[in-house]
């Protein structure tokens, strides 16, 4: 499938709470939003609606 370079890019973002909560000691926080600690890494999955052209685009 070909995409026009100027076409809008949409993305779907998944914050992987099962991995992030234990690493940030927030498993006892009962909320839908992710709570992370400042300065610590967190894991997320990003899916775009078209292939990424690494010669002209960066993430």
C-alpha atoms as a PDB file:
ATOM      1  CA  UNK A   1       0.000   0.000   0.000  1.00  0.00           C
ATOM      2  CA  UNK A   2       1.403   3.418  -0.943  1.00  0.00           C
ATOM      3  CA  UNK A   3       0.847   6.555   1.093  1.00  0.00           C
ATOM      4  CA  UNK A   4       1.248  10.138   0.035  1.00  0.00           C
ATOM      5  CA  UNK A   5       4.054  11.807   2.055  1.00  0.00           C
ATOM      6  CA  UNK A   6       1.875  14.765   3.006  1.00  0.00           C
ATOM      7  CA  UNK A   7      -0.948  12.554   4.274  1.00  0.00           C
ATOM      8  CA  UNK A   8      -1.712  13.034   7.959  1.00  0.00           C
ATOM      9  CA  UNK A   9      -0.090  10.582  10.294  1.00  0.00           C
ATOM     10  CA  UNK A  10      -2.227   9.074  13.014  1.00  0.00           C
ATOM     11  CA  UNK A  11      -0.875   6.966  15.809  1.00  0.00           C
ATOM     12  CA  UNK A  12      -2.214   4.619  18.437  1.00  0.00           C
ATOM     13  CA  UNK A  13      -0.423   4.723  21.783  1.00  0.00           C
ATOM     14  CA  UNK A  14      -0.543   1.930  24.356  1.00  0.00           C
ATOM     15  CA  UNK A  15       0.947   2.543  27.782  1.00  0.00           C
ATOM     16  CA  UNK A  16       1.862  -0.898  29.084  1.00  0.00           C
ATOM     17  CA  UNK A  17       0.729  -0.603  32.697  1.00  0.00           C
ATOM     18  CA  UNK A  18       1.485  -4.232  33.585  1.00  0.00           C
ATOM     19  CA  UNK A  19       5.173  -3.497  33.002  1.00  0.00           C
ATOM     20  CA  UNK A  20       5.324   0.136  34.121  1.00  0.00           C
ATOM     21  CA  UNK A  21       3.414   0.019  37.414  1.00  0.00           C
ATOM     22  CA  UNK A  22       5.761  -2.409  39.221  1.00  0.00           C
ATOM     23  CA  UNK A  23       8.859  -0.573  37.965  1.00  0.00           C
ATOM     24  CA  UNK A  24       7.500   2.725  39.305  1.00  0.00           C
ATOM     25  CA  UNK A  25       6.057   1.296  42.538  1.00  0.00           C
ATOM     26  CA  UNK A  26       2.534   2.407  41.616  1.00  0.00           C
ATOM     27  CA  UNK A  27       0.687  -0.938  41.577  1.00  0.00           C
ATOM     28  CA  UNK A  28      -1.517   0.184  44.490  1.00  0.00           C
ATOM     29  CA  UNK A  29      -2.724   3.298  42.620  1.00  0.00           C
ATOM     30  CA  UNK A  30      -6.189   2.482  41.272  1.00  0.00           C
ATOM     31  CA  UNK A  31      -6.499   4.907  38.371  1.00  0.00           C
ATOM     32  CA  UNK A  32      -6.666   4.621  34.592  1.00  0.00           C
ATOM     33  CA  UNK A  33      -3.896   7.146  33.941  1.00  0.00           C
ATOM     34  CA  UNK A  34      -0.332   5.941  34.186  1.00  0.00           C
ATOM     35  CA  UNK A  35       1.667   7.333  37.098  1.00  0.00           C
ATOM     36  CA  UNK A  36       5.439   7.218  36.606  1.00  0.00           C
ATOM     37  CA  UNK A  37       8.380   8.444  38.654  1.00  0.00           C
ATOM     38  CA  UNK A  38      10.418  11.359  37.402  1.00  0.00           C
ATOM     39  CA  UNK A  39      13.685  10.331  35.789  1.00  0.00           C
ATOM     40  CA  UNK A  40      12.730   6.674  35.298  1.00  0.00           C
ATOM     41  CA  UNK A  41      12.138   4.981  31.963  1.00  0.00           C
ATOM     42  CA  UNK A  42       8.711   3.697  30.982  1.00  0.00           C
ATOM     43  CA  UNK A  43       7.473   1.371  28.244  1.00  0.00           C
ATOM     44  CA  UNK A  44       4.927   2.215  25.560  1.00  0.00           C
ATOM     45  CA  UNK A  45       3.880   0.851  22.181  1.00  0.00           C
ATOM     46  CA  UNK A  46       3.295   3.226  19.257  1.00  0.00           C
ATOM     47  CA  UNK A  47       1.511   2.097  16.095  1.00  0.00           C
ATOM     48  CA  UNK A  48       1.244   4.410  13.080  1.00  0.00           C
ATOM     49  CA  UNK A  49      -1.414   4.308  10.358  1.00  0.00           C
ATOM     50  CA  UNK A  50       1.259   4.050   7.665  1.00  0.00           C
ATOM     51  CA  UNK A  51       4.864   2.901   7.322  1.00  0.00           C
ATOM     52  CA  UNK A  52       7.480   5.271   8.705  1.00  0.00           C
ATOM     53  CA  UNK A  53       9.916   6.674   6.129  1.00  0.00           C
ATOM     54  CA  UNK A  54      13.132   6.756   8.149  1.00  0.00           C
ATOM     55  CA  UNK A  55      14.925   8.763   5.460  1.00  0.00           C
ATOM     56  CA  UNK A  56      12.684  11.800   6.001  1.00  0.00           C
ATOM     57  CA  UNK A  57      10.841  11.212   9.303  1.00  0.00           C
ATOM     58  CA  UNK A  58      11.907  10.795  12.903  1.00  0.00           C
ATOM     59  CA  UNK A  59      10.091   9.720  16.024  1.00  0.00           C
END
